[in-house]
Amino acid sequence: MKIRFTKKTVLQFNSLLLLLIGLLGFSAACDKESPALYGTPSADFIINGVVKNKTNQPIPNIKVVALYDSINTDALGKFIIKNRTIPTDQAFNVKLIDIDGTANGSFLNKDTLIVFNDNTFKDGDGSWYSGKVERSVEIKLTSK
């Protein structure tokens, strides 16, 4: 027994086949598990520092400038600067400026480079934010 397909039957079969392929294609293209991510990878680089004189006494009220941020040291000569940038090895030029004249002693300005190499980031979110890394530094200033 021979099966004959009419033109109408072939067109209906092709239409049904295209519909099934289309539905399967769209369902495979939609992944509901992963959200769209926009942005760039980032990490926080934190410099915890203390500024002292040659006799290891803390120096208050020294202006500390790093990139686009500045802060003055507290009464114990301490400062914290945080910068968010891409999570690679980084180096930050830090400038220390005596802004109070002779009130806490008179000191020469100083430029120093704080380097972050071989970083181990903590508290990342598993996505674009890699976490934070901290460096503790002690910087000594010379009297004028």
N, C-alpha and C. Protein backbone atom coordinates (compact mmCIF):
# COMPACT_ATOMS: atom_id res chain seq x y z
N MET A 1 0.83 -1.17 0.00
CA MET A 1 0.00 0.00 0.00
C MET A 1 0.88 1.24 0.00
N LYS A 2 0.64 2.07 -0.95
CA LYS A 2 1.41 3.29 -1.08
C LYS A 2 0.71 4.43 -0.36
N ILE A 3 1.54 5.25 0.30
CA ILE A 3 0.99 6.43 0.96
C ILE A 3 1.28 7.63 0.08
N ARG A 4 0.26 8.34 -0.22
CA ARG A 4 0.43 9.53 -1.06
C ARG A 4 0.18 10.77 -0.21
N PHE A 5 1.09 11.69 -0.38
CA PHE A 5 0.96 12.96 0.31
C PHE A 5 0.50 14.01 -0.67
N THR A 6 -0.50 14.69 -0.29
CA THR A 6 -0.95 15.80 -1.14
C THR A 6 -0.16 17.04 -0.77
N LYS A 7 -0.25 18.00 -1.60
CA LYS A 7 0.46 19.26 -1.37
C LYS A 7 -0.02 19.89 -0.06
N LYS A 8 -1.29 19.81 0.22
CA LYS A 8 -1.85 20.37 1.44
C LYS A 8 -1.30 19.65 2.67
N THR A 9 -1.18 18.33 2.62
CA THR A 9 -0.65 17.55 3.74
C THR A 9 0.81 17.89 4.01
N VAL A 10 1.59 18.03 2.96
CA VAL A 10 3.01 18.38 3.10
C VAL A 10 3.15 19.77 3.71
N LEU A 11 2.35 20.72 3.29
CA LEU A 11 2.40 22.07 3.85
C LEU A 11 2.01 22.08 5.32
N GLN A 12 0.99 21.30 5.68
CA GLN A 12 0.59 21.21 7.09
C GLN A 12 1.69 20.57 7.93
N PHE A 13 2.29 19.51 7.40
CA PHE A 13 3.38 18.84 8.11
C PHE A 13 4.57 19.79 8.30
N ASN A 14 4.94 20.51 7.25
CA ASN A 14 6.04 21.48 7.33
C ASN A 14 5.73 22.59 8.33
N SER A 15 4.50 23.06 8.35
CA SER A 15 4.11 24.11 9.29
C SER A 15 4.22 23.61 10.73
N LEU A 16 3.75 22.40 10.97
CA LEU A 16 3.84 21.81 12.30
C LEU A 16 5.29 21.61 12.72
N LEU A 17 6.11 21.15 11.80
CA LEU A 17 7.53 20.95 12.08
C LEU A 17 8.22 22.27 12.39
N LEU A 18 7.95 23.31 11.64
CA LEU A 18 8.53 24.64 11.90
C LEU A 18 8.08 25.18 13.25
N LEU A 19 6.83 24.96 13.60
CA LEU A 19 6.33 25.41 14.89
C LEU A 19 7.07 24.71 16.03
N LEU A 20 7.25 23.41 15.94
CA LEU A 20 7.96 22.66 16.98
C LEU A 20 9.43 23.09 17.08
N ILE A 21 10.08 23.26 15.96
CA ILE A 21 11.49 23.69 15.96
C ILE A 21 11.60 25.08 16.57
N GLY A 22 10.68 25.96 16.22
CA GLY A 22 10.69 27.31 16.78
C GLY A 22 10.51 27.32 18.28
N LEU A 23 9.56 26.53 18.77
CA LEU A 23 9.33 26.47 20.22
C LEU A 23 10.53 25.88 20.95
N LEU A 24 11.12 24.85 20.41
CA LEU A 24 12.31 24.25 21.03
C LEU A 24 13.48 25.22 21.01
N GLY A 25 13.64 25.95 19.94
CA GLY A 25 14.74 26.91 19.84
C GLY A 25 14.62 28.03 20.86
N PHE A 26 13.41 28.57 21.03
CA PHE A 26 13.23 29.65 22.00
C PHE A 26 13.36 29.16 23.43
N SER A 27 12.88 27.97 23.70
CA SER A 27 12.98 27.47 25.07
C SER A 27 14.43 27.17 25.44
N ALA A 28 15.25 26.77 24.50
CA ALA A 28 16.66 26.49 24.78
C ALA A 28 17.46 27.78 24.93
N ALA A 29 17.01 28.86 24.32
CA ALA A 29 17.76 30.11 24.36
C ALA A 29 17.56 30.88 25.66
N CYS A 30 16.53 30.60 26.41
CA CYS A 30 16.22 31.34 27.63
C CYS A 30 16.81 30.61 28.83
N ASP A 31 17.78 31.24 29.48
CA ASP A 31 18.37 30.68 30.69
C ASP A 31 17.92 31.54 31.86
N LYS A 32 17.06 31.01 32.69
CA LYS A 32 16.50 31.78 33.79
C LYS A 32 17.42 31.79 35.01
N GLU A 33 18.48 31.01 35.01
CA GLU A 33 19.37 30.90 36.15
C GLU A 33 20.35 32.06 36.27
N SER A 34 20.90 32.53 35.16
CA SER A 34 21.94 33.56 35.23
C SER A 34 21.40 34.92 34.82
N PRO A 35 21.51 35.90 35.71
CA PRO A 35 21.03 37.24 35.38
C PRO A 35 22.02 37.96 34.46
N ALA A 36 21.56 38.99 33.80
CA ALA A 36 22.43 39.80 32.98
C ALA A 36 23.35 40.60 33.90
N LEU A 37 24.64 40.59 33.59
CA LEU A 37 25.62 41.31 34.41
C LEU A 37 26.17 42.49 33.62
N TYR A 38 26.10 43.64 34.23
CA TYR A 38 26.63 44.85 33.61
C TYR A 38 27.63 45.47 34.56
N GLY A 39 28.72 46.00 34.04
CA GLY A 39 29.71 46.64 34.89
C GLY A 39 31.09 46.10 34.62
N THR A 40 31.98 46.40 35.53
CA THR A 40 33.36 45.93 35.41
C THR A 40 33.77 45.28 36.73
N PRO A 41 34.72 44.38 36.67
CA PRO A 41 35.23 43.80 37.91
C PRO A 41 35.85 44.89 38.79
N SER A 42 35.64 44.79 40.09
CA SER A 42 36.19 45.79 41.00
C SER A 42 36.61 45.14 42.31
N ALA A 43 37.46 45.88 43.02
CA ALA A 43 37.92 45.46 44.34
C ALA A 43 38.29 46.70 45.13
N ASP A 44 38.23 46.58 46.46
CA ASP A 44 38.63 47.68 47.33
C ASP A 44 40.07 47.47 47.78
N PHE A 45 40.88 48.51 47.61
CA PHE A 45 42.25 48.52 48.08
C PHE A 45 42.30 49.49 49.26
N ILE A 46 42.63 48.97 50.43
CA ILE A 46 42.57 49.77 51.66
C ILE A 46 43.98 49.92 52.22
N ILE A 47 44.36 51.18 52.48
CA ILE A 47 45.65 51.49 53.08
C ILE A 47 45.40 51.92 54.52
N ASN A 48 45.86 51.11 55.47
CA ASN A 48 45.82 51.47 56.89
C ASN A 48 47.21 51.94 57.25
N GLY A 49 47.33 53.22 57.59
CA GLY A 49 48.67 53.74 57.83
C GLY A 49 48.79 54.51 59.12
N VAL A 50 50.02 54.68 59.52
CA VAL A 50 50.36 55.53 60.66
C VAL A 50 51.58 56.36 60.26
N VAL A 51 51.55 57.64 60.62
CA VAL A 51 52.64 58.55 60.30
C VAL A 51 53.36 58.88 61.60
N LYS A 52 54.68 58.67 61.59
CA LYS A 52 55.50 58.91 62.78
C LYS A 52 56.71 59.75 62.43
N ASN A 53 57.32 60.32 63.48
CA ASN A 53 58.58 61.04 63.28
C ASN A 53 59.74 60.06 63.48
N LYS A 54 60.95 60.56 63.41
CA LYS A 54 62.13 59.69 63.50
C LYS A 54 62.27 59.02 64.87
N THR A 55 61.62 59.57 65.90
CA THR A 55 61.69 58.96 67.23
C THR A 55 60.45 58.11 67.53
N ASN A 56 59.74 57.72 66.48
CA ASN A 56 58.56 56.85 66.57
C ASN A 56 57.37 57.46 67.31
N GLN A 57 57.29 58.77 67.36
CA GLN A 57 56.13 59.45 67.94
C GLN A 57 55.12 59.71 66.82
N PRO A 58 53.83 59.43 67.05
CA PRO A 58 52.83 59.68 66.01
C PRO A 58 52.69 61.18 65.74
N ILE A 59 52.40 61.50 64.48
CA ILE A 59 52.25 62.90 64.09
C ILE A 59 50.79 63.13 63.69
N PRO A 60 50.06 63.94 64.45
CA PRO A 60 48.67 64.24 64.07
C PRO A 60 48.61 65.34 63.01
N ASN A 61 47.47 65.43 62.35
CA ASN A 61 47.15 66.51 61.41
C ASN A 61 48.11 66.61 60.23
N ILE A 62 48.51 65.47 59.70
CA ILE A 62 49.27 65.42 58.44
C ILE A 62 48.26 65.09 57.34
N LYS A 63 48.28 65.85 56.27
CA LYS A 63 47.36 65.59 55.16
C LYS A 63 47.93 64.46 54.32
N VAL A 64 47.11 63.42 54.10
CA VAL A 64 47.50 62.26 53.31
C VAL A 64 46.65 62.28 52.04
N VAL A 65 47.31 62.35 50.88
CA VAL A 65 46.62 62.43 49.59
C VAL A 65 46.96 61.19 48.78
N ALA A 66 45.92 60.49 48.31
CA ALA A 66 46.09 59.33 47.44
C ALA A 66 45.02 59.38 46.36
N LEU A 67 45.43 59.44 45.12
CA LEU A 67 44.52 59.55 43.98
C LEU A 67 43.59 60.75 44.15
N TYR A 68 42.29 60.49 44.26
CA TYR A 68 41.32 61.57 44.34
C TYR A 68 40.80 61.78 45.75
N ASP A 69 41.48 61.22 46.72
CA ASP A 69 41.01 61.28 48.10
C ASP A 69 42.10 61.86 48.99
N SER A 70 41.69 62.55 50.03
CA SER A 70 42.65 63.03 51.02
C SER A 70 42.00 62.97 52.40
N ILE A 71 42.85 62.81 53.40
CA ILE A 71 42.39 62.71 54.78
C ILE A 71 43.52 63.20 55.66
N ASN A 72 43.19 63.68 56.85
CA ASN A 72 44.21 64.08 57.81
C ASN A 72 44.40 62.96 58.83
N THR A 73 45.63 62.83 59.31
CA THR A 73 45.89 61.83 60.34
C THR A 73 45.20 62.24 61.64
N ASP A 74 44.80 61.24 62.44
CA ASP A 74 44.14 61.53 63.71
C ASP A 74 45.18 61.82 64.79
N ALA A 75 44.76 61.90 66.04
CA ALA A 75 45.66 62.23 67.15
C ALA A 75 46.75 61.19 67.34
N LEU A 76 46.51 59.96 66.87
CA LEU A 76 47.52 58.89 66.98
C LEU A 76 48.33 58.74 65.70
N GLY A 77 48.17 59.67 64.77
CA GLY A 77 48.91 59.62 63.51
C GLY A 77 48.36 58.61 62.51
N LYS A 78 47.17 58.08 62.76
CA LYS A 78 46.62 57.03 61.90
C LYS A 78 45.73 57.61 60.80
N PHE A 79 45.65 56.85 59.70
CA PHE A 79 44.76 57.20 58.60
C PHE A 79 44.33 55.93 57.88
N ILE A 80 43.20 56.03 57.19
CA ILE A 80 42.70 54.93 56.34
C ILE A 80 42.25 55.55 55.02
N ILE A 81 42.76 55.00 53.92
CA ILE A 81 42.33 55.44 52.59
C ILE A 81 41.85 54.20 51.84
N LYS A 82 40.67 54.33 51.23
CA LYS A 82 40.08 53.22 50.48
C LYS A 82 39.87 53.66 49.04
N ASN A 83 40.28 52.80 48.11
CA ASN A 83 40.10 53.09 46.69
C ASN A 83 39.52 51.85 46.01
N ARG A 84 38.47 52.03 45.22
CA ARG A 84 37.88 50.91 44.47
C ARG A 84 38.33 51.02 43.02
N THR A 85 38.94 49.94 42.54
CA THR A 85 39.44 49.90 41.16
C THR A 85 39.44 48.44 40.69
N ILE A 86 40.05 48.19 39.54
CA ILE A 86 40.05 46.83 38.99
C ILE A 86 40.94 45.91 39.84
N PRO A 87 40.57 44.65 39.98
CA PRO A 87 41.29 43.74 40.87
C PRO A 87 42.55 43.14 40.26
N THR A 88 43.56 43.97 40.09
CA THR A 88 44.87 43.52 39.62
C THR A 88 45.92 44.09 40.57
N ASP A 89 47.19 43.81 40.29
CA ASP A 89 48.25 44.44 41.07
C ASP A 89 48.15 45.95 40.89
N GLN A 90 48.27 46.69 41.98
CA GLN A 90 48.12 48.14 41.95
C GLN A 90 49.25 48.80 42.72
N ALA A 91 49.52 50.04 42.36
CA ALA A 91 50.47 50.88 43.10
C ALA A 91 49.85 52.26 43.24
N PHE A 92 49.84 52.78 44.45
CA PHE A 92 49.24 54.09 44.72
C PHE A 92 50.31 55.04 45.23
N ASN A 93 50.39 56.19 44.59
CA ASN A 93 51.30 57.23 45.05
C ASN A 93 50.61 57.99 46.17
N VAL A 94 51.22 58.00 47.34
CA VAL A 94 50.66 58.67 48.51
C VAL A 94 51.56 59.84 48.86
N LYS A 95 50.94 61.01 48.99
CA LYS A 95 51.68 62.23 49.33
C LYS A 95 51.30 62.65 50.73
N LEU A 96 52.30 62.94 51.56
CA LEU A 96 52.06 63.39 52.93
C LEU A 96 52.51 64.84 53.04
N ILE A 97 51.62 65.70 53.55
CA ILE A 97 51.87 67.14 53.59
C ILE A 97 51.63 67.64 55.01
N ASP A 98 52.61 68.35 55.56
CA ASP A 98 52.46 68.97 56.88
C ASP A 98 51.67 70.26 56.69
N ILE A 99 50.42 70.27 57.16
CA ILE A 99 49.55 71.43 56.91
C ILE A 99 49.41 72.36 58.12
N ASP A 100 49.92 71.96 59.27
CA ASP A 100 49.72 72.79 60.47
C ASP A 100 50.98 73.55 60.88
N GLY A 101 51.97 73.56 60.03
CA GLY A 101 53.20 74.32 60.33
C GLY A 101 53.93 73.74 61.51
N THR A 102 54.20 74.59 62.51
CA THR A 102 54.99 74.15 63.66
C THR A 102 54.14 73.64 64.82
N ALA A 103 52.82 73.57 64.65
CA ALA A 103 51.94 73.16 65.76
C ALA A 103 52.28 71.77 66.29
N ASN A 104 52.56 70.81 65.43
CA ASN A 104 52.92 69.45 65.84
C ASN A 104 54.34 69.11 65.41
N GLY A 105 55.15 70.12 65.25
CA GLY A 105 56.49 69.94 64.69
C GLY A 105 56.42 70.29 63.22
N SER A 106 57.52 70.64 62.67
CA SER A 106 57.56 71.04 61.25
C SER A 106 58.26 69.93 60.47
N PHE A 107 57.55 69.36 59.49
CA PHE A 107 58.06 68.19 58.78
C PHE A 107 58.10 68.44 57.28
N LEU A 108 59.05 67.78 56.63
CA LEU A 108 59.15 67.84 55.17
C LEU A 108 58.03 67.00 54.55
N ASN A 109 57.52 67.46 53.42
CA ASN A 109 56.54 66.68 52.68
C ASN A 109 57.20 65.42 52.14
N LYS A 110 56.42 64.38 51.92
CA LYS A 110 56.99 63.12 51.44
C LYS A 110 56.03 62.46 50.46
N ASP A 111 56.60 61.89 49.39
CA ASP A 111 55.86 61.05 48.45
C ASP A 111 56.33 59.61 48.66
N THR A 112 55.38 58.71 48.72
CA THR A 112 55.73 57.30 48.86
C THR A 112 54.80 56.45 48.00
N LEU A 113 55.27 55.31 47.60
CA LEU A 113 54.51 54.41 46.74
C LEU A 113 54.06 53.19 47.56
N ILE A 114 52.76 52.96 47.60
CA ILE A 114 52.20 51.79 48.28
C ILE A 114 51.82 50.78 47.21
N VAL A 115 52.42 49.59 47.26
CA VAL A 115 52.24 48.58 46.21
C VAL A 115 51.41 47.42 46.74
N PHE A 116 50.45 47.00 45.93
CA PHE A 116 49.62 45.83 46.21
C PHE A 116 49.95 44.77 45.16
N ASN A 117 50.74 43.76 45.54
CA ASN A 117 51.11 42.65 44.64
C ASN A 117 50.58 41.34 45.21
N ASP A 118 50.35 40.37 44.32
CA ASP A 118 49.91 39.03 44.73
C ASP A 118 48.78 39.11 45.75
N ASN A 119 47.73 39.79 45.37
CA ASN A 119 46.63 40.07 46.29
C ASN A 119 45.74 38.86 46.53
N THR A 120 45.33 38.70 47.77
CA THR A 120 44.32 37.73 48.15
C THR A 120 43.11 38.52 48.64
N PHE A 121 42.08 38.57 47.82
CA PHE A 121 40.91 39.37 48.13
C PHE A 121 39.99 38.62 49.08
N LYS A 122 39.36 39.37 50.00
CA LYS A 122 38.43 38.80 50.97
C LYS A 122 37.05 39.40 50.77
N ASP A 123 36.03 38.63 51.09
CA ASP A 123 34.63 39.09 51.13
C ASP A 123 34.08 39.49 49.76
N GLY A 124 34.48 38.80 48.70
CA GLY A 124 33.91 39.06 47.38
C GLY A 124 32.51 38.49 47.28
N ASP A 125 31.77 38.93 46.26
CA ASP A 125 30.39 38.46 46.11
C ASP A 125 30.26 37.34 45.08
N GLY A 126 31.38 36.87 44.53
CA GLY A 126 31.33 35.79 43.55
C GLY A 126 30.93 36.26 42.17
N SER A 127 30.79 37.55 41.99
CA SER A 127 30.41 38.10 40.70
C SER A 127 31.43 39.16 40.30
N TRP A 128 31.00 40.38 40.11
CA TRP A 128 31.91 41.44 39.67
C TRP A 128 32.80 41.97 40.79
N TYR A 129 32.34 41.93 42.03
CA TYR A 129 33.12 42.46 43.15
C TYR A 129 34.02 41.36 43.70
N SER A 130 35.34 41.56 43.55
CA SER A 130 36.31 40.55 43.99
C SER A 130 36.56 40.56 45.49
N GLY A 131 36.25 41.67 46.15
CA GLY A 131 36.47 41.77 47.59
C GLY A 131 37.40 42.90 47.93
N LYS A 132 38.08 42.76 49.06
CA LYS A 132 38.98 43.82 49.51
C LYS A 132 40.33 43.23 49.89
N VAL A 133 41.33 44.08 49.82
CA VAL A 133 42.67 43.72 50.26
C VAL A 133 43.22 44.92 51.02
N GLU A 134 43.94 44.66 52.11
CA GLU A 134 44.43 45.74 52.96
C GLU A 134 45.95 45.67 53.10
N ARG A 135 46.57 46.85 53.22
CA ARG A 135 47.99 46.95 53.50
C ARG A 135 48.16 47.89 54.69
N SER A 136 48.96 47.48 55.65
CA SER A 136 49.30 48.34 56.78
C SER A 136 50.69 48.90 56.53
N VAL A 137 50.81 50.22 56.67
CA VAL A 137 52.09 50.87 56.41
C VAL A 137 52.42 51.83 57.55
N GLU A 138 53.70 51.98 57.79
CA GLU A 138 54.20 52.98 58.74
C GLU A 138 55.12 53.90 57.95
N ILE A 139 54.80 55.18 57.98
CA ILE A 139 55.56 56.15 57.20
C ILE A 139 56.23 57.12 58.17
N LYS A 140 57.52 57.33 57.97
CA LYS A 140 58.26 58.24 58.84
C LYS A 140 58.56 59.53 58.09
N LEU A 141 58.31 60.65 58.78
CA LEU A 141 58.61 61.96 58.21
C LEU A 141 59.85 62.54 58.88
N THR A 142 60.56 63.34 58.11
CA THR A 142 61.78 63.99 58.58
C THR A 142 61.46 65.42 58.98
N SER A 143 62.02 65.85 60.10
CA SER A 143 61.83 67.23 60.54
C SER A 143 62.55 68.19 59.60
N LYS A 144 61.99 69.41 59.51
CA LYS A 144 62.63 70.45 58.67
C LYS A 144 63.86 70.98 59.35
